[in-house]
């Protein structure tokens, strides 16, 4: 990619970082593109050049979080040769990523809910992507004989829901503690749920 593309990517990243700061401080509804432009030290026209609306910026942040989670979970699973450890690695990676990006997690799990139809659709798409990753993992476990046959579609939704609820409670807690402390009890619960 040339210098122009690199500059554009840098500007987009700067705008998204500023938007994260603004949305985290003011909430989605009370934030304005002017606030994002000021925080990113970009003109309002410069922001609109890359994003047609505040909603587009927020959706881009959701995509950023989903891509980050999916790529890290996939890499951690690929690095483990042993099937049960693939799930453990993905869980540890997810909790670590959420813990390292608390503001983005809050936007992802709290602010996006009820922000509108397009946001609800985006969240649903993300849920489908992550439950598909879990389902593929569980299907492999059944085929390879690690676990007894089970309804992997329902199990994947339950696994996703358990992780989602633990992380959401953590992000809403005023004194959240260390999210990664949830790893061992959550891992045990998930494994027991599939008879592992």
Protein backbone atom coordinates (compact mmCIF):
# COMPACT_ATOMS: atom_id res chain seq x y z
CA UNK A 1 0.00 0.00 0.00
CA UNK A 2 1.31 3.46 -0.88
CA UNK A 3 1.91 6.48 1.32
CA UNK A 4 -1.58 7.83 0.61
CA UNK A 5 -3.24 4.60 1.75
CA UNK A 6 -1.03 4.50 4.82
CA UNK A 7 -1.95 8.10 5.70
CA UNK A 8 -5.65 7.33 5.26
CA UNK A 9 -5.37 4.24 7.47
CA UNK A 10 -3.57 6.30 10.11
CA UNK A 11 -6.25 9.00 9.98
CA UNK A 12 -9.06 6.42 10.21
CA UNK A 13 -7.36 4.78 13.18
CA UNK A 14 -6.93 8.17 14.85
CA UNK A 15 -10.63 8.97 14.32
CA UNK A 16 -11.72 5.58 15.70
CA UNK A 17 -9.45 5.95 18.75
CA UNK A 18 -10.95 9.38 19.39
CA UNK A 19 -14.46 8.05 18.88
CA UNK A 20 -13.80 5.31 21.43
CA UNK A 21 -12.69 7.93 23.93
CA UNK A 22 -15.70 10.18 23.23
CA UNK A 23 -18.29 7.36 23.22
CA UNK A 24 -16.80 5.89 26.40
CA UNK A 25 -16.98 9.25 28.16
CA UNK A 26 -20.32 10.57 26.87
CA UNK A 27 -22.14 7.48 25.64
CA UNK A 28 -23.26 6.99 22.07
CA UNK A 29 -26.40 9.13 22.20
CA UNK A 30 -24.76 12.17 23.78
CA UNK A 31 -21.69 12.15 21.54
CA UNK A 32 -21.41 14.29 18.43
CA UNK A 33 -19.19 14.14 15.37
CA UNK A 34 -17.83 17.54 16.46
CA UNK A 35 -16.56 15.92 19.69
CA UNK A 36 -14.84 13.18 17.70
CA UNK A 37 -13.29 15.69 15.29
CA UNK A 38 -11.95 17.79 18.18
CA UNK A 39 -10.57 14.79 20.08
CA UNK A 40 -8.93 13.34 16.94
CA UNK A 41 -7.55 16.77 15.96
CA UNK A 42 -9.23 16.30 12.59
CA UNK A 43 -11.60 18.66 10.86
CA UNK A 44 -15.26 17.74 10.86
CA UNK A 45 -15.03 17.45 7.07
CA UNK A 46 -12.06 15.10 7.50
CA UNK A 47 -14.16 12.85 9.75
CA UNK A 48 -17.05 12.89 7.28
CA UNK A 49 -14.66 12.10 4.43
CA UNK A 50 -14.01 8.70 6.03
CA UNK A 51 -17.33 8.14 7.84
CA UNK A 52 -20.69 9.45 6.58
CA UNK A 53 -22.20 9.54 10.08
CA UNK A 54 -21.71 8.99 13.80
CA UNK A 55 -23.50 5.69 13.34
CA UNK A 56 -20.92 4.60 10.73
CA UNK A 57 -18.11 5.40 13.16
CA UNK A 58 -19.77 3.36 15.90
CA UNK A 59 -20.35 0.42 13.55
CA UNK A 60 -16.68 0.59 12.53
CA UNK A 61 -15.70 0.38 16.21
CA UNK A 62 -17.91 -2.69 16.62
CA UNK A 63 -16.22 -4.25 13.59
CA UNK A 64 -12.82 -3.41 15.07
CA UNK A 65 -13.68 -5.21 18.32
CA UNK A 66 -15.18 -8.24 16.58
CA UNK A 67 -12.17 -8.56 14.24
CA UNK A 68 -9.76 -8.26 17.16
CA UNK A 69 -11.57 -10.95 19.16
CA UNK A 70 -12.02 -13.32 16.24
CA UNK A 71 -8.44 -13.08 15.01
CA UNK A 72 -6.97 -13.54 18.49
CA UNK A 73 -9.28 -16.46 19.33
CA UNK A 74 -8.56 -18.17 15.99
CA UNK A 75 -4.78 -17.74 16.39
CA UNK A 76 -4.81 -19.08 19.94
CA UNK A 77 -6.82 -22.12 18.85
CA UNK A 78 -4.55 -22.80 15.87
CA UNK A 79 -1.49 -22.72 18.15
CA UNK A 80 -2.80 -25.63 20.28
CA UNK A 81 -2.43 -29.15 18.87
CA UNK A 82 -4.65 -30.76 21.54
CA UNK A 83 -8.43 -30.35 20.98
CA UNK A 84 -9.48 -29.62 24.59
CA UNK A 85 -6.70 -27.06 24.96
CA UNK A 86 -7.93 -25.20 21.85
CA UNK A 87 -11.12 -24.26 23.72
CA UNK A 88 -9.17 -23.31 26.84
CA UNK A 89 -6.85 -21.11 24.78
CA UNK A 90 -9.76 -19.36 23.04
CA UNK A 91 -11.51 -18.69 26.36
CA UNK A 92 -8.34 -17.33 27.98
CA UNK A 93 -7.66 -15.15 24.94
CA UNK A 94 -11.21 -13.76 24.88
CA UNK A 95 -11.15 -12.86 28.58
CA UNK A 96 -7.68 -11.30 28.24
CA UNK A 97 -8.74 -9.26 25.20
CA UNK A 98 -11.89 -7.99 26.89
CA UNK A 99 -9.90 -7.14 30.04
CA UNK A 100 -7.31 -5.19 28.00
CA UNK A 101 -10.00 -3.22 26.13
CA UNK A 102 -12.58 -2.40 28.81
CA UNK A 103 -13.89 0.77 27.12
CA UNK A 104 -14.30 -0.98 23.78
CA UNK A 105 -15.92 -3.92 25.57
CA UNK A 106 -18.42 -1.58 27.22
CA UNK A 107 -19.33 -0.13 23.83
CA UNK A 108 -19.54 -3.60 22.32
CA UNK A 109 -21.70 -5.18 25.02
CA UNK A 110 -23.64 -2.29 26.56
CA UNK A 111 -23.80 0.85 24.41
CA UNK A 112 -24.63 -1.03 21.21
CA UNK A 113 -27.69 -2.65 22.77
CA UNK A 114 -30.76 -0.58 22.08
CA UNK A 115 -28.81 1.90 19.93
CA UNK A 116 -30.98 1.13 16.94
CA UNK A 117 -31.96 -1.47 14.40
CA UNK A 118 -28.71 -1.38 12.44
CA UNK A 119 -26.69 -1.86 15.63
CA UNK A 120 -28.92 -4.76 16.71
CA UNK A 121 -28.33 -6.39 13.31
CA UNK A 122 -24.56 -5.90 13.64
CA UNK A 123 -24.57 -7.42 17.15
CA UNK A 124 -26.62 -10.38 15.89
CA UNK A 125 -24.12 -10.93 13.06
CA UNK A 126 -21.28 -10.92 15.60
CA UNK A 127 -23.10 -13.41 17.80
CA UNK A 128 -23.63 -15.68 14.80
CA UNK A 129 -19.94 -15.46 13.87
CA UNK A 130 -18.75 -16.38 17.35
CA UNK A 131 -21.29 -19.13 17.93
CA UNK A 132 -20.26 -20.61 14.54
CA UNK A 133 -16.63 -20.67 15.72
CA UNK A 134 -17.69 -22.45 18.91
CA UNK A 135 -19.95 -24.85 16.99
CA UNK A 136 -17.11 -25.81 14.64
CA UNK A 137 -14.91 -26.48 17.67
CA UNK A 138 -17.59 -28.64 19.34
CA UNK A 139 -18.37 -30.48 16.08
CA UNK A 140 -14.69 -31.42 15.81
CA UNK A 141 -14.75 -32.65 19.41
CA UNK A 142 -17.71 -34.92 18.61
CA UNK A 143 -16.23 -36.24 15.35
CA UNK A 144 -12.82 -36.89 16.94
CA UNK A 145 -14.40 -38.65 19.93
CA UNK A 146 -13.42 -36.20 22.65
CA UNK A 147 -17.06 -35.65 23.64
CA UNK A 148 -20.28 -37.60 23.20
CA UNK A 149 -22.66 -36.50 20.43
CA UNK A 150 -24.71 -33.47 21.43
CA UNK A 151 -26.72 -30.66 19.85
CA UNK A 152 -23.70 -28.46 19.10
CA UNK A 153 -25.81 -25.55 17.82
CA UNK A 154 -27.54 -25.18 21.20
CA UNK A 155 -24.31 -25.86 23.12
CA UNK A 156 -22.48 -23.15 21.15
CA UNK A 157 -25.21 -20.61 21.93
CA UNK A 158 -25.06 -21.58 25.63
CA UNK A 159 -21.25 -21.26 25.69
CA UNK A 160 -21.39 -17.88 23.99
CA UNK A 161 -24.15 -16.73 26.37
CA UNK A 162 -22.19 -17.77 29.45
CA UNK A 163 -19.07 -15.88 28.38
CA UNK A 164 -21.12 -12.87 27.25
CA UNK A 165 -22.96 -12.67 30.58
CA UNK A 166 -19.79 -12.95 32.68
CA UNK A 167 -18.07 -10.23 30.65
CA UNK A 168 -21.15 -7.97 30.64
CA UNK A 169 -21.49 -8.18 34.44
CA UNK A 170 -17.79 -7.38 34.77
CA UNK A 171 -17.98 -4.36 32.48
CA UNK A 172 -21.04 -2.99 34.32
CA UNK A 173 -19.54 -3.47 37.79
CA UNK A 174 -18.20 -0.28 39.35
CA UNK A 175 -15.52 -2.32 41.13
CA UNK A 176 -15.00 -5.05 38.53
CA UNK A 177 -11.94 -6.87 39.80
CA UNK A 178 -9.85 -8.95 37.43
CA UNK A 179 -11.92 -10.47 34.62
CA UNK A 180 -9.29 -13.13 34.03
CA UNK A 181 -10.04 -14.56 37.50
CA UNK A 182 -13.26 -15.90 35.92
CA UNK A 183 -11.25 -18.19 33.63
CA UNK A 184 -11.00 -21.30 35.85
CA UNK A 185 -14.62 -21.43 37.07
CA UNK A 186 -15.97 -20.56 33.62
CA UNK A 187 -13.73 -23.14 31.93
CA UNK A 188 -14.91 -25.81 34.38
CA UNK A 189 -18.57 -24.90 33.84
CA UNK A 190 -18.25 -24.96 30.03
CA UNK A 191 -16.36 -28.25 30.02
CA UNK A 192 -18.87 -29.92 32.34
CA UNK A 193 -21.70 -28.74 30.09
CA UNK A 194 -20.36 -30.90 27.26
CA UNK A 195 -19.29 -33.82 29.45
CA UNK A 196 -15.56 -33.13 29.22
